[in-house]
């Protein structure tokens, strides 16, 4: 079972995430690549919120295929292009995670590998055997 670490005497997280998460030894681990918001048909929205939702949908499909659940996510890193609104990114994340929290980082970058990409998410999940 994955347990959040919430030390006393430190500032709480700034949003819906944990500062750290401990996973049991012997857990099965899943690491995703950086996932972007490309739809199954290969198209991509110009809207960062829609791209983020699609990226999380893809992560959900990866989790399902590998026998993991959303609640197995222990950490994720979100990369968003500088100048884009971050509210829709966090809203899409929160809808997907549905109250589940994990360790998280949100990094703004000047660009991603393709000019149409505005956001990319990489996740780590751990499931106790």
N, C-alpha and C. Protein backbone atom coordinates (compact mmCIF):
# COMPACT_ATOMS: atom_id res chain seq x y z
N UNK A 1 0.84 -1.18 0.00
CA UNK A 1 0.00 0.00 0.00
C UNK A 1 0.89 1.25 0.00
N UNK A 2 0.50 2.24 -0.75
CA UNK A 2 1.26 3.48 -0.85
C UNK A 2 0.75 4.46 0.21
N UNK A 3 1.69 5.06 0.95
CA UNK A 3 1.33 5.95 2.04
C UNK A 3 1.89 7.34 1.82
N UNK A 4 1.05 8.38 1.92
CA UNK A 4 1.57 9.74 1.82
C UNK A 4 2.43 10.07 3.04
N UNK A 5 3.40 10.92 2.85
CA UNK A 5 4.25 11.41 3.94
C UNK A 5 3.86 12.86 4.17
N UNK A 6 3.38 13.15 5.37
CA UNK A 6 2.90 14.50 5.71
C UNK A 6 3.59 14.98 6.98
N UNK A 7 4.83 15.46 6.86
CA UNK A 7 5.56 15.86 8.07
C UNK A 7 4.95 17.09 8.73
N UNK A 8 5.00 17.07 10.05
CA UNK A 8 4.55 18.24 10.81
C UNK A 8 5.62 19.32 10.72
N UNK A 9 5.21 20.57 10.77
CA UNK A 9 6.17 21.66 10.81
C UNK A 9 6.68 22.12 9.45
N UNK A 10 6.09 21.62 8.38
CA UNK A 10 6.45 22.10 7.04
C UNK A 10 5.18 22.61 6.36
N UNK A 11 5.35 23.47 5.39
CA UNK A 11 4.20 24.00 4.66
C UNK A 11 3.49 22.87 3.91
N UNK A 12 2.18 22.89 3.88
CA UNK A 12 1.44 21.86 3.14
C UNK A 12 1.61 22.08 1.63
N UNK A 13 1.27 21.08 0.84
CA UNK A 13 1.32 21.25 -0.61
C UNK A 13 0.46 22.42 -1.07
N UNK A 14 0.83 23.02 -2.17
CA UNK A 14 0.14 24.19 -2.69
C UNK A 14 -1.15 23.84 -3.43
N UNK A 15 -1.38 22.57 -3.72
CA UNK A 15 -2.58 22.14 -4.45
C UNK A 15 -2.89 20.70 -4.05
N UNK A 16 -3.63 19.99 -4.88
CA UNK A 16 -4.07 18.63 -4.59
C UNK A 16 -2.98 17.62 -4.94
N UNK A 17 -1.94 17.56 -4.11
CA UNK A 17 -0.88 16.57 -4.29
C UNK A 17 -0.20 16.33 -2.94
N UNK A 18 0.67 15.35 -2.88
CA UNK A 18 1.44 15.03 -1.67
C UNK A 18 2.88 15.49 -1.86
N UNK A 19 3.55 15.80 -0.76
CA UNK A 19 4.97 16.13 -0.83
C UNK A 19 5.80 14.88 -1.11
N UNK A 20 5.35 13.74 -0.61
CA UNK A 20 6.07 12.48 -0.81
C UNK A 20 5.11 11.31 -0.59
N UNK A 21 5.46 10.17 -1.17
CA UNK A 21 4.68 8.95 -1.00
C UNK A 21 5.66 7.79 -0.83
N UNK A 22 5.38 6.91 0.15
CA UNK A 22 6.19 5.72 0.37
C UNK A 22 5.45 4.51 -0.20
N UNK A 23 6.17 3.69 -0.96
CA UNK A 23 5.61 2.45 -1.50
C UNK A 23 6.26 1.27 -0.80
N UNK A 24 5.50 0.21 -0.63
CA UNK A 24 6.00 -1.00 0.01
C UNK A 24 7.12 -1.63 -0.79
N UNK A 25 8.11 -2.18 -0.12
CA UNK A 25 9.14 -2.96 -0.79
C UNK A 25 8.48 -4.12 -1.51
N UNK A 26 8.96 -4.43 -2.69
CA UNK A 26 8.38 -5.53 -3.46
C UNK A 26 7.17 -5.12 -4.29
N UNK A 27 6.85 -3.84 -4.29
CA UNK A 27 5.74 -3.39 -5.12
C UNK A 27 6.09 -3.53 -6.59
N UNK A 28 5.09 -3.77 -7.38
CA UNK A 28 5.24 -3.77 -8.83
C UNK A 28 5.20 -2.31 -9.28
N UNK A 29 6.17 -1.86 -10.07
CA UNK A 29 6.26 -0.46 -10.48
C UNK A 29 5.96 -0.30 -11.96
N UNK A 30 5.32 0.83 -12.28
CA UNK A 30 5.05 1.21 -13.66
C UNK A 30 5.54 2.64 -13.84
N UNK A 31 6.33 2.86 -14.85
CA UNK A 31 6.82 4.19 -15.20
C UNK A 31 6.33 4.50 -16.61
N UNK A 32 5.62 5.60 -16.78
CA UNK A 32 5.21 5.97 -18.13
C UNK A 32 6.27 6.86 -18.76
N UNK A 33 6.23 6.93 -20.04
CA UNK A 33 6.99 7.95 -20.76
C UNK A 33 6.27 9.27 -20.55
N UNK A 34 6.80 10.34 -21.09
CA UNK A 34 6.07 11.59 -21.12
C UNK A 34 4.91 11.41 -22.08
N UNK A 35 3.70 11.58 -21.58
CA UNK A 35 2.48 11.34 -22.37
C UNK A 35 1.89 12.69 -22.75
N UNK A 36 1.62 12.86 -24.03
CA UNK A 36 1.02 14.10 -24.52
C UNK A 36 -0.44 13.87 -24.87
N UNK A 37 -1.13 14.94 -25.23
CA UNK A 37 -2.57 14.88 -25.44
C UNK A 37 -3.03 14.52 -26.82
N UNK A 38 -2.35 13.60 -27.48
CA UNK A 38 -2.77 13.16 -28.81
C UNK A 38 -3.96 12.20 -28.67
N UNK A 39 -5.00 12.45 -29.42
CA UNK A 39 -6.18 11.59 -29.40
C UNK A 39 -5.88 10.27 -30.12
N UNK A 40 -6.70 9.24 -29.89
CA UNK A 40 -6.48 7.95 -30.56
C UNK A 40 -6.42 8.05 -32.09
N UNK A 41 -7.11 9.03 -32.67
CA UNK A 41 -7.08 9.17 -34.13
C UNK A 41 -5.87 9.97 -34.62
N UNK A 42 -5.00 10.38 -33.69
CA UNK A 42 -3.78 11.12 -34.06
C UNK A 42 -3.93 12.62 -34.04
N UNK A 43 -5.15 13.12 -33.86
CA UNK A 43 -5.36 14.57 -33.81
C UNK A 43 -5.04 15.11 -32.43
N UNK A 44 -4.90 16.43 -32.35
CA UNK A 44 -4.61 17.06 -31.07
C UNK A 44 -5.34 18.40 -31.00
N UNK A 45 -5.94 18.66 -29.86
CA UNK A 45 -6.64 19.92 -29.65
C UNK A 45 -5.62 21.04 -29.47
N UNK A 46 -6.02 22.25 -29.77
CA UNK A 46 -5.17 23.40 -29.50
C UNK A 46 -5.37 23.91 -28.07
N UNK A 47 -6.31 23.33 -27.34
CA UNK A 47 -6.66 23.74 -25.98
C UNK A 47 -5.85 22.94 -24.96
N UNK A 48 -5.12 23.62 -24.07
CA UNK A 48 -4.25 22.92 -23.12
C UNK A 48 -5.05 22.05 -22.15
N UNK A 49 -6.24 22.48 -21.77
CA UNK A 49 -7.06 21.66 -20.88
C UNK A 49 -7.48 20.36 -21.54
N UNK A 50 -7.87 20.45 -22.82
CA UNK A 50 -8.25 19.24 -23.56
C UNK A 50 -7.03 18.34 -23.78
N UNK A 51 -5.88 18.93 -24.06
CA UNK A 51 -4.66 18.12 -24.21
C UNK A 51 -4.34 17.40 -22.90
N UNK A 52 -4.48 18.11 -21.79
CA UNK A 52 -4.18 17.49 -20.50
C UNK A 52 -5.14 16.36 -20.21
N UNK A 53 -6.42 16.56 -20.47
CA UNK A 53 -7.41 15.50 -20.24
C UNK A 53 -7.09 14.28 -21.08
N UNK A 54 -6.70 14.49 -22.33
CA UNK A 54 -6.35 13.36 -23.20
C UNK A 54 -5.09 12.65 -22.72
N UNK A 55 -4.11 13.42 -22.23
CA UNK A 55 -2.90 12.80 -21.68
C UNK A 55 -3.25 11.91 -20.49
N UNK A 56 -4.09 12.41 -19.60
CA UNK A 56 -4.50 11.60 -18.45
C UNK A 56 -5.33 10.40 -18.88
N UNK A 57 -6.18 10.55 -19.90
CA UNK A 57 -6.92 9.40 -20.42
C UNK A 57 -5.98 8.32 -20.93
N UNK A 58 -4.91 8.74 -21.60
CA UNK A 58 -3.91 7.78 -22.09
C UNK A 58 -3.22 7.10 -20.92
N UNK A 59 -2.87 7.87 -19.90
CA UNK A 59 -2.25 7.28 -18.70
C UNK A 59 -3.22 6.28 -18.08
N UNK A 60 -4.50 6.61 -18.04
CA UNK A 60 -5.49 5.68 -17.52
C UNK A 60 -5.53 4.38 -18.30
N UNK A 61 -5.45 4.47 -19.63
CA UNK A 61 -5.43 3.27 -20.47
C UNK A 61 -4.17 2.44 -20.22
N UNK A 62 -3.04 3.12 -20.03
CA UNK A 62 -1.78 2.42 -19.73
C UNK A 62 -1.91 1.69 -18.40
N UNK A 63 -2.42 2.38 -17.39
CA UNK A 63 -2.60 1.76 -16.07
C UNK A 63 -3.49 0.52 -16.19
N UNK A 64 -4.61 0.66 -16.86
CA UNK A 64 -5.56 -0.44 -17.02
C UNK A 64 -4.91 -1.63 -17.73
N UNK A 65 -4.21 -1.35 -18.81
CA UNK A 65 -3.56 -2.43 -19.58
C UNK A 65 -2.53 -3.18 -18.75
N UNK A 66 -1.86 -2.46 -17.85
CA UNK A 66 -0.81 -3.07 -17.03
C UNK A 66 -1.33 -3.63 -15.71
N UNK A 67 -2.63 -3.53 -15.47
CA UNK A 67 -3.20 -4.08 -14.24
C UNK A 67 -3.07 -3.16 -13.03
N UNK A 68 -2.99 -1.86 -13.28
CA UNK A 68 -2.91 -0.87 -12.20
C UNK A 68 -4.19 -0.07 -12.17
N UNK A 69 -4.37 0.68 -11.08
CA UNK A 69 -5.51 1.58 -10.93
C UNK A 69 -5.01 3.00 -10.70
N UNK A 70 -5.89 3.96 -10.87
CA UNK A 70 -5.53 5.36 -10.64
C UNK A 70 -4.94 5.55 -9.25
N UNK A 71 -5.49 4.86 -8.27
CA UNK A 71 -5.01 5.01 -6.89
C UNK A 71 -3.62 4.42 -6.67
N UNK A 72 -3.07 3.74 -7.67
CA UNK A 72 -1.70 3.24 -7.58
C UNK A 72 -0.67 4.29 -7.99
N UNK A 73 -1.11 5.42 -8.55
CA UNK A 73 -0.16 6.47 -8.95
C UNK A 73 0.48 7.04 -7.70
N UNK A 74 1.81 7.01 -7.66
CA UNK A 74 2.54 7.54 -6.51
C UNK A 74 3.20 8.88 -6.82
N UNK A 75 3.48 9.13 -8.09
CA UNK A 75 4.05 10.43 -8.45
C UNK A 75 3.80 10.70 -9.93
N UNK A 76 3.83 11.99 -10.25
CA UNK A 76 3.72 12.39 -11.65
C UNK A 76 4.37 13.75 -11.80
N UNK A 77 4.87 13.98 -13.00
CA UNK A 77 5.46 15.26 -13.34
C UNK A 77 4.73 15.79 -14.57
N UNK A 78 4.31 17.04 -14.48
CA UNK A 78 3.61 17.70 -15.57
C UNK A 78 4.51 18.79 -16.12
N UNK A 79 4.69 18.80 -17.43
CA UNK A 79 5.46 19.83 -18.12
C UNK A 79 4.48 20.64 -18.95
N UNK A 80 4.41 21.94 -18.70
CA UNK A 80 3.50 22.82 -19.44
C UNK A 80 4.31 23.94 -20.08
N UNK A 81 3.93 24.30 -21.29
CA UNK A 81 4.63 25.35 -22.02
C UNK A 81 4.38 26.70 -21.35
N UNK A 82 5.45 27.46 -21.18
CA UNK A 82 5.39 28.79 -20.58
C UNK A 82 4.36 29.64 -21.33
N UNK A 83 3.57 30.39 -20.58
CA UNK A 83 2.57 31.28 -21.17
C UNK A 83 1.20 30.66 -21.25
N UNK A 84 1.11 29.33 -21.10
CA UNK A 84 -0.19 28.66 -21.12
C UNK A 84 -0.83 28.76 -19.74
N UNK A 85 -2.15 28.76 -19.70
CA UNK A 85 -2.88 28.80 -18.45
C UNK A 85 -2.73 27.47 -17.71
N UNK A 86 -2.39 27.51 -16.44
CA UNK A 86 -2.20 26.29 -15.67
C UNK A 86 -3.48 25.79 -15.01
N UNK A 87 -4.46 26.66 -14.84
CA UNK A 87 -5.73 26.25 -14.23
C UNK A 87 -6.37 25.07 -14.94
N UNK A 88 -6.50 25.11 -16.28
CA UNK A 88 -7.09 23.98 -16.98
C UNK A 88 -6.26 22.69 -16.85
N UNK A 89 -4.96 22.83 -16.71
CA UNK A 89 -4.08 21.66 -16.53
C UNK A 89 -4.41 20.99 -15.19
N UNK A 90 -4.48 21.80 -14.15
CA UNK A 90 -4.77 21.26 -12.82
C UNK A 90 -6.20 20.73 -12.73
N UNK A 91 -7.14 21.40 -13.40
CA UNK A 91 -8.54 20.94 -13.38
C UNK A 91 -8.67 19.57 -14.06
N UNK A 92 -8.01 19.39 -15.20
CA UNK A 92 -8.06 18.09 -15.90
C UNK A 92 -7.42 17.00 -15.04
N UNK A 93 -6.30 17.32 -14.42
CA UNK A 93 -5.64 16.37 -13.51
C UNK A 93 -6.58 15.99 -12.39
N UNK A 94 -7.19 16.98 -11.75
CA UNK A 94 -8.06 16.71 -10.61
C UNK A 94 -9.27 15.88 -11.00
N UNK A 95 -9.84 16.14 -12.19
CA UNK A 95 -10.97 15.32 -12.66
C UNK A 95 -10.54 13.86 -12.80
N UNK A 96 -9.37 13.65 -13.42
CA UNK A 96 -8.92 12.28 -13.63
C UNK A 96 -8.61 11.59 -12.30
N UNK A 97 -7.89 12.26 -11.42
CA UNK A 97 -7.48 11.63 -10.16
C UNK A 97 -8.62 11.48 -9.17
N UNK A 98 -9.69 12.25 -9.33
CA UNK A 98 -10.91 12.10 -8.53
C UNK A 98 -10.64 11.99 -7.03
N UNK A 99 -9.82 12.89 -6.51
CA UNK A 99 -9.53 12.92 -5.08
C UNK A 99 -8.27 12.19 -4.67
N UNK A 100 -7.74 11.34 -5.53
CA UNK A 100 -6.48 10.66 -5.22
C UNK A 100 -5.33 11.67 -5.29
N UNK A 101 -4.41 11.59 -4.35
CA UNK A 101 -3.26 12.48 -4.38
C UNK A 101 -1.98 11.65 -4.47
N UNK A 102 -0.96 12.26 -5.05
CA UNK A 102 0.34 11.62 -5.22
C UNK A 102 1.40 12.71 -5.17
N UNK A 103 2.65 12.33 -5.07
CA UNK A 103 3.73 13.32 -5.15
C UNK A 103 3.71 13.91 -6.55
N UNK A 104 3.98 15.21 -6.66
CA UNK A 104 3.79 15.87 -7.94
C UNK A 104 4.76 17.02 -8.13
N UNK A 105 5.10 17.25 -9.39
CA UNK A 105 5.85 18.44 -9.78
C UNK A 105 5.20 18.99 -11.03
N UNK A 106 5.12 20.32 -11.11
CA UNK A 106 4.61 21.01 -12.29
C UNK A 106 5.71 21.94 -12.76
N UNK A 107 6.20 21.69 -13.97
CA UNK A 107 7.35 22.42 -14.50
C UNK A 107 6.93 23.16 -15.75
N UNK A 108 7.25 24.45 -15.83
CA UNK A 108 6.99 25.18 -17.06
C UNK A 108 8.27 25.14 -17.90
N UNK A 109 8.07 24.92 -19.18
CA UNK A 109 9.18 24.77 -20.12
C UNK A 109 8.95 25.68 -21.32
N UNK A 110 10.02 26.08 -22.01
CA UNK A 110 9.82 26.96 -23.17
C UNK A 110 9.09 26.29 -24.32
N UNK A 111 9.25 24.98 -24.48
CA UNK A 111 8.60 24.25 -25.57
C UNK A 111 8.71 22.76 -25.28
N UNK A 112 7.87 21.99 -25.98
CA UNK A 112 7.96 20.53 -25.96
C UNK A 112 8.45 20.08 -27.34
N UNK A 113 8.58 18.80 -27.55
CA UNK A 113 9.22 18.27 -28.76
C UNK A 113 8.48 18.62 -30.06
N UNK A 114 7.16 18.78 -29.99
CA UNK A 114 6.36 19.16 -31.16
C UNK A 114 5.70 20.50 -30.86
N UNK A 115 5.65 21.41 -31.81
CA UNK A 115 5.11 22.74 -31.52
C UNK A 115 3.64 22.76 -31.10
N UNK A 116 2.86 21.76 -31.50
CA UNK A 116 1.44 21.73 -31.13
C UNK A 116 1.21 21.20 -29.71
N UNK A 117 2.22 20.57 -29.12
CA UNK A 117 2.09 20.05 -27.77
C UNK A 117 2.24 21.17 -26.76
N UNK A 118 1.30 21.25 -25.83
CA UNK A 118 1.33 22.29 -24.80
C UNK A 118 1.56 21.72 -23.41
N UNK A 119 1.38 20.40 -23.27
CA UNK A 119 1.52 19.76 -21.97
C UNK A 119 1.96 18.31 -22.15
N UNK A 120 2.70 17.83 -21.18
CA UNK A 120 3.17 16.44 -21.18
C UNK A 120 3.18 15.96 -19.73
N UNK A 121 2.76 14.72 -19.51
CA UNK A 121 2.68 14.17 -18.16
C UNK A 121 3.40 12.82 -18.11
N UNK A 122 4.26 12.64 -17.12
CA UNK A 122 4.91 11.35 -16.87
C UNK A 122 4.48 10.89 -15.48
N UNK A 123 4.14 9.62 -15.34
CA UNK A 123 3.62 9.12 -14.07
C UNK A 123 4.37 7.86 -13.64
N UNK A 124 4.38 7.64 -12.33
CA UNK A 124 4.90 6.42 -11.73
C UNK A 124 3.79 5.84 -10.86
N UNK A 125 3.54 4.54 -11.00
CA UNK A 125 2.55 3.84 -10.18
C UNK A 125 3.21 2.68 -9.49
N UNK A 126 2.74 2.35 -8.30
CA UNK A 126 3.26 1.21 -7.54
C UNK A 126 2.07 0.43 -7.00
N UNK A 127 2.11 -0.87 -7.21
CA UNK A 127 1.02 -1.74 -6.74
C UNK A 127 1.64 -2.85 -5.92
N UNK A 128 1.16 -2.97 -4.68
CA UNK A 128 1.68 -4.02 -3.80
C UNK A 128 1.27 -5.38 -4.35
N UNK A 129 2.21 -6.29 -4.38
CA UNK A 129 1.95 -7.63 -4.94
C UNK A 129 1.06 -8.44 -4.05
